Amino acid sequence: MASDRQQNANRRNAQKSTGPRSAGGKARASKNAYRHGFAARKGPDEIFAKQVGRLARRLSRDSDNIMTLSYAMAAAEAEITIARLRQTKVEVIEKITNAFYTGTPETIRQMVPQLTVLDQYEKQTRSRRNRALRQLIIDRIV
């Protein structure tokens, strides 16, 4: 349990951490999840849903346990997303390669950050997948 002094310090720090205050900062922050199509949850994608469903059934070994199905769905969704991310990274690399021969250095400089964003999102998605798989394994053991 935190002491009174620590709780007061936490309150003071929380008051400083309120996020962007300017209209421009708020506008930028509101678009953080839309930097690329993977972070933005769109409407149901039928192909994606079918792929996730098939993989989830295989991972859950056709279990009827709701928790097992939940973990399997989370792991399957993350795995399919990782595959899509990797395909997108290949496409961006191909664009950078083409720009190397036909574009300007500025064009290439603008494309490289896309790879960084995709790498970060892939890392987060791998963590989400691995967490779900660990839970799935624990659920089978118990």
C-alpha atoms as a PDB file:
ATOM      1  CA  MET A   1       0.000   0.000   0.000  1.00  0.00           C
ATOM      2  CA  ALA A   2       1.354   3.440  -0.907  1.00  0.00           C
ATOM      3  CA  SER A   3       2.060   5.965   1.800  1.00  0.00           C
ATOM      4  CA  ASP A   4       0.198   9.286   1.993  1.00  0.00           C
ATOM      5  CA  ARG A   5       3.301  11.040   0.703  1.00  0.00           C
ATOM      6  CA  GLN A   6       3.489   8.699  -2.299  1.00  0.00           C
ATOM      7  CA  GLN A   7      -0.225   9.092  -3.025  1.00  0.00           C
ATOM      8  CA  ASN A   8       0.119  12.887  -2.988  1.00  0.00           C
ATOM      9  CA  ALA A   9       3.122  12.669  -5.332  1.00  0.00           C
ATOM     10  CA  ASN A  10       1.122  10.407  -7.652  1.00  0.00           C
ATOM     11  CA  ARG A  11      -1.755  12.905  -7.720  1.00  0.00           C
ATOM     12  CA  ARG A  12       0.607  15.796  -8.531  1.00  0.00           C
ATOM     13  CA  ASN A  13       2.216  13.805 -11.341  1.00  0.00           C
ATOM     14  CA  ALA A  14      -1.162  12.769 -12.718  1.00  0.00           C
ATOM     15  CA  GLN A  15      -2.242  16.396 -12.929  1.00  0.00           C
ATOM     16  CA  LYS A  16       0.809  17.143 -15.075  1.00  0.00           C
ATOM     17  CA  SER A  17       0.127  14.181 -17.412  1.00  0.00           C
ATOM     18  CA  THR A  18      -3.083  15.324 -19.040  1.00  0.00           C
ATOM     19  CA  GLY A  19      -2.135  14.810 -22.679  1.00  0.00           C
ATOM     20  CA  PRO A  20      -2.108  17.462 -25.382  1.00  0.00           C
ATOM     21  CA  ARG A  21      -3.666  20.799 -24.522  1.00  0.00           C
ATOM     22  CA  SER A  22      -3.579  22.702 -27.809  1.00  0.00           C
ATOM     23  CA  ALA A  23      -6.162  22.133 -30.528  1.00  0.00           C
ATOM     24  CA  GLY A  24      -3.417  21.012 -32.912  1.00  0.00           C
ATOM     25  CA  GLY A  25      -1.998  18.552 -30.394  1.00  0.00           C
ATOM     26  CA  LYS A  26      -5.419  17.105 -29.696  1.00  0.00           C
ATOM     27  CA  ALA A  27      -6.085  16.743 -33.429  1.00  0.00           C
ATOM     28  CA  ARG A  28      -2.771  14.910 -33.942  1.00  0.00           C
ATOM     29  CA  ALA A  29      -3.335  12.648 -30.944  1.00  0.00           C
ATOM     30  CA  SER A  30      -6.827  11.740 -32.140  1.00  0.00           C
ATOM     31  CA  LYS A  31      -5.298  10.259 -35.301  1.00  0.00           C
ATOM     32  CA  ASN A  32      -2.620   8.152 -33.573  1.00  0.00           C
ATOM     33  CA  ALA A  33      -4.475   4.907 -34.197  1.00  0.00           C
ATOM     34  CA  TYR A  34      -4.876   5.719 -37.896  1.00  0.00           C
ATOM     35  CA  ARG A  35      -1.227   6.025 -38.898  1.00  0.00           C
ATOM     36  CA  HIS A  36      -1.663   2.912 -40.968  1.00  0.00           C
ATOM     37  CA  GLY A  37      -4.497   0.543 -41.717  1.00  0.00           C
ATOM     38  CA  PHE A  38      -3.471  -2.107 -39.199  1.00  0.00           C
ATOM     39  CA  ALA A  39      -4.034  -0.013 -36.088  1.00  0.00           C
ATOM     40  CA  ALA A  40      -7.443   1.150 -37.225  1.00  0.00           C
ATOM     41  CA  ARG A  41     -10.103  -1.478 -36.638  1.00  0.00           C
ATOM     42  CA  LYS A  42     -12.300  -1.459 -39.694  1.00  0.00           C
ATOM     43  CA  GLY A  43     -15.563  -3.172 -40.345  1.00  0.00           C
ATOM     44  CA  PRO A  44     -15.635  -6.937 -40.662  1.00  0.00           C
ATOM     45  CA  ASP A  45     -13.365  -8.239 -43.388  1.00  0.00           C
ATOM     46  CA  GLU A  46     -14.914 -11.502 -44.549  1.00  0.00           C
ATOM     47  CA  ILE A  47     -11.654 -13.090 -45.749  1.00  0.00           C
ATOM     48  CA  PHE A  48      -9.842 -12.076 -42.561  1.00  0.00           C
ATOM     49  CA  ALA A  49     -12.677 -13.447 -40.426  1.00  0.00           C
ATOM     50  CA  LYS A  50     -12.633 -16.787 -42.270  1.00  0.00           C
ATOM     51  CA  GLN A  51      -8.856 -17.094 -41.926  1.00  0.00           C
ATOM     52  CA  VAL A  52      -9.027 -16.280 -38.223  1.00  0.00           C
ATOM     53  CA  GLY A  53     -11.903 -18.723 -37.689  1.00  0.00           C
ATOM     54  CA  ARG A  54     -10.082 -21.582 -39.413  1.00  0.00           C
ATOM     55  CA  LEU A  55      -6.855 -21.002 -37.508  1.00  0.00           C
ATOM     56  CA  ALA A  56      -8.692 -20.555 -34.187  1.00  0.00           C
ATOM     57  CA  ARG A  57     -10.490 -23.880 -34.639  1.00  0.00           C
ATOM     58  CA  ARG A  58      -7.148 -25.592 -35.280  1.00  0.00           C
ATOM     59  CA  LEU A  59      -5.532 -23.923 -32.272  1.00  0.00           C
ATOM     60  CA  SER A  60      -8.431 -24.759 -29.966  1.00  0.00           C
ATOM     61  CA  ARG A  61      -8.586 -28.322 -31.299  1.00  0.00           C
ATOM     62  CA  ASP A  62     -12.327 -27.788 -31.805  1.00  0.00           C
ATOM     63  CA  SER A  63     -12.830 -27.254 -28.068  1.00  0.00           C
ATOM     64  CA  ASP A  64     -16.191 -26.037 -26.746  1.00  0.00           C
ATOM     65  CA  ASN A  65     -14.571 -24.290 -23.762  1.00  0.00           C
ATOM     66  CA  ILE A  66     -15.281 -20.554 -24.068  1.00  0.00           C
ATOM     67  CA  MET A  67     -11.910 -19.522 -22.597  1.00  0.00           C
ATOM     68  CA  THR A  68      -9.996 -21.834 -24.921  1.00  0.00           C
ATOM     69  CA  LEU A  69     -11.888 -20.423 -27.890  1.00  0.00           C
ATOM     70  CA  SER A  70     -11.240 -16.877 -26.711  1.00  0.00           C
ATOM     71  CA  TYR A  71      -7.474 -17.419 -26.441  1.00  0.00           C
ATOM     72  CA  ALA A  72      -7.418 -19.241 -29.765  1.00  0.00           C
ATOM     73  CA  MET A  73      -9.280 -16.398 -31.480  1.00  0.00           C
ATOM     74  CA  ALA A  74      -6.896 -13.796 -30.052  1.00  0.00           C
ATOM     75  CA  ALA A  75      -3.849 -15.793 -31.136  1.00  0.00           C
ATOM     76  CA  ALA A  76      -5.285 -16.472 -34.590  1.00  0.00           C
ATOM     77  CA  GLU A  77      -6.225 -12.838 -35.172  1.00  0.00           C
ATOM     78  CA  ALA A  78      -2.730 -11.734 -34.187  1.00  0.00           C
ATOM     79  CA  GLU A  79      -1.073 -14.372 -36.382  1.00  0.00           C
ATOM     80  CA  ILE A  80      -3.089 -13.417 -39.465  1.00  0.00           C
ATOM     81  CA  THR A  81      -2.362  -9.739 -38.772  1.00  0.00           C
ATOM     82  CA  ILE A  82       1.365 -10.503 -38.566  1.00  0.00           C
ATOM     83  CA  ALA A  83       1.207 -12.216 -41.957  1.00  0.00           C
ATOM     84  CA  ARG A  84      -0.528  -9.163 -43.435  1.00  0.00           C
ATOM     85  CA  LEU A  85       1.987  -6.826 -41.811  1.00  0.00           C
ATOM     86  CA  ARG A  86       4.879  -8.757 -43.313  1.00  0.00           C
ATOM     87  CA  GLN A  87       3.281  -8.595 -46.755  1.00  0.00           C
ATOM     88  CA  THR A  88       2.824  -4.840 -46.374  1.00  0.00           C
ATOM     89  CA  LYS A  89       6.460  -4.487 -45.313  1.00  0.00           C
ATOM     90  CA  VAL A  90       7.537  -6.300 -48.485  1.00  0.00           C
ATOM     91  CA  GLU A  91       5.426  -3.903 -50.559  1.00  0.00           C
ATOM     92  CA  VAL A  92       6.968  -0.856 -48.828  1.00  0.00           C
ATOM     93  CA  ILE A  93      10.477  -2.243 -49.357  1.00  0.00           C
ATOM     94  CA  GLU A  94       9.703  -2.773 -53.045  1.00  0.00           C
ATOM     95  CA  LYS A  95       8.496   0.849 -53.300  1.00  0.00           C
ATOM     96  CA  ILE A  96      11.681   2.063 -51.616  1.00  0.00           C
ATOM     97  CA  THR A  97      13.767  -0.035 -53.991  1.00  0.00           C
ATOM     98  CA  ASN A  98      11.927   1.373 -57.015  1.00  0.00           C
ATOM     99  CA  ALA A  99      12.280   4.894 -55.635  1.00  0.00           C
ATOM    100  CA  PHE A 100      16.008   4.291 -55.249  1.00  0.00           C
ATOM    101  CA  TYR A 101      16.290   3.971 -59.037  1.00  0.00           C
ATOM    102  CA  THR A 102      13.585   6.373 -60.159  1.00  0.00           C
ATOM    103  CA  GLY A 103      12.823   8.715 -57.264  1.00  0.00           C
ATOM    104  CA  THR A 104      14.579  11.350 -55.240  1.00  0.00           C
ATOM    105  CA  PRO A 105      16.341  10.885 -51.909  1.00  0.00           C
ATOM    106  CA  GLU A 106      13.479  12.839 -50.312  1.00  0.00           C
ATOM    107  CA  THR A 107      10.967  10.264 -51.583  1.00  0.00           C
ATOM    108  CA  ILE A 108      12.967   7.470 -49.980  1.00  0.00           C
ATOM    109  CA  ARG A 109      13.385   9.453 -46.763  1.00  0.00           C
ATOM    110  CA  GLN A 110       9.598   9.792 -46.543  1.00  0.00           C
ATOM    111  CA  MET A 111       8.976   6.058 -47.040  1.00  0.00           C
ATOM    112  CA  VAL A 112      11.451   4.674 -44.506  1.00  0.00           C
ATOM    113  CA  PRO A 113       9.443   5.760 -41.418  1.00  0.00           C
ATOM    114  CA  GLN A 114       6.584   3.571 -42.672  1.00  0.00           C
ATOM    115  CA  LEU A 115       8.800   0.539 -42.082  1.00  0.00           C
ATOM    116  CA  THR A 116       9.523   1.685 -38.534  1.00  0.00           C
ATOM    117  CA  VAL A 117       5.815   2.022 -37.779  1.00  0.00           C
ATOM    118  CA  LEU A 118       5.099  -1.404 -39.271  1.00  0.00           C
ATOM    119  CA  ASP A 119       7.965  -2.950 -37.255  1.00  0.00           C
ATOM    120  CA  GLN A 120       6.604  -1.451 -34.035  1.00  0.00           C
ATOM    121  CA  TYR A 121       3.106  -2.681 -34.750  1.00  0.00           C
ATOM    122  CA  GLU A 122       4.411  -6.144 -35.643  1.00  0.00           C
ATOM    123  CA  LYS A 123       6.276  -6.297 -32.326  1.00  0.00           C
ATOM    124  CA  GLN A 124       3.107  -5.375 -30.410  1.00  0.00           C
ATOM    125  CA  THR A 125       1.083  -7.912 -32.357  1.00  0.00           C
ATOM    126  CA  ARG A 126       3.659 -10.672 -31.736  1.00  0.00           C
ATOM    127  CA  SER A 127       3.450  -9.928 -28.011  1.00  0.00           C
ATOM    128  CA  ARG A 128      -0.347 -10.130 -28.148  1.00  0.00           C
ATOM    129  CA  ARG A 129      -0.142 -13.453 -30.029  1.00  0.00           C
ATOM    130  CA  ASN A 130       2.420 -14.920 -27.645  1.00  0.00           C
ATOM    131  CA  ARG A 131       0.374 -13.877 -24.609  1.00  0.00           C
ATOM    132  CA  ALA A 132      -2.714 -15.571 -26.060  1.00  0.00           C
ATOM    133  CA  LEU A 133      -0.749 -18.721 -26.913  1.00  0.00           C
ATOM    134  CA  ARG A 134       0.668 -18.922 -23.370  1.00  0.00           C
ATOM    135  CA  GLN A 135      -2.847 -18.643 -21.975  1.00  0.00           C
ATOM    136  CA  LEU A 136      -4.044 -21.294 -24.394  1.00  0.00           C
ATOM    137  CA  ILE A 137      -1.318 -23.676 -23.229  1.00  0.00           C
ATOM    138  CA  ILE A 138      -2.073 -22.971 -19.568  1.00  0.00           C
ATOM    139  CA  ASP A 139      -5.790 -23.540 -20.235  1.00  0.00           C
ATOM    140  CA  ARG A 140      -5.021 -26.971 -21.739  1.00  0.00           C
ATOM    141  CA  ILE A 141      -2.829 -27.992 -18.824  1.00  0.00           C
ATOM    142  CA  VAL A 142      -5.356 -27.019 -16.160  1.00  0.00           C
END
